[in-house]
Protein backbone atom coordinates (compact mmCIF):
# COMPACT_ATOMS: atom_id res chain seq x y z
CA MET A 1 9.94 -0.38 0.51
CA THR A 2 8.60 -3.54 1.98
CA ARG A 3 10.00 -2.88 5.42
CA PRO A 4 7.97 0.31 6.02
CA ILE A 5 4.97 -1.36 4.65
CA ARG A 6 5.32 -4.18 7.24
CA ASP A 7 5.91 -1.79 10.01
CA ILE A 8 2.71 0.05 9.20
CA ALA A 9 0.91 -3.28 8.90
CA ASN A 10 2.28 -4.33 12.31
CA GLU A 11 1.24 -1.07 13.92
CA SER A 12 -2.19 -0.85 12.42
CA GLY A 13 -3.13 -4.53 12.90
CA ARG A 14 -3.69 -4.99 8.99
CA SER A 15 -1.99 -7.31 6.60
CA ALA A 16 1.09 -6.15 4.69
CA ALA A 17 -0.95 -6.90 1.52
CA ALA A 18 -3.70 -4.61 2.60
CA VAL A 19 -1.38 -1.77 3.49
CA GLY A 20 0.56 -2.08 0.16
CA TYR A 21 -2.61 -2.19 -1.71
CA ALA A 22 -3.96 1.05 -0.13
CA LEU A 23 -0.64 2.88 -0.76
CA PHE A 24 -0.83 1.55 -4.49
CA ALA A 25 -4.47 2.88 -4.82
CA CYS A 26 -3.94 6.14 -3.27
CA ASP A 27 -1.49 7.43 -5.95
CA ALA A 28 -3.43 6.13 -8.87
CA HIS A 29 -4.01 9.59 -10.11
CA VAL A 30 -0.35 10.06 -10.71
CA ARG A 31 0.38 6.87 -12.68
CA SER A 32 -1.06 5.90 -15.84
CA GLY A 33 -2.50 2.42 -15.95
CA THR A 34 -2.79 1.88 -12.25
CA LEU A 35 -5.68 -0.41 -11.26
CA CYS A 36 -7.07 -0.54 -14.76
């Protein structure tokens, strides 16, 4: 999973941490306890 995140980060000019956080936050509705 880290490879695709790094690829997206390189293409978008954002950090891998920012991309990973955004992906994590986007599916908060399907996982209990996410970002709580």
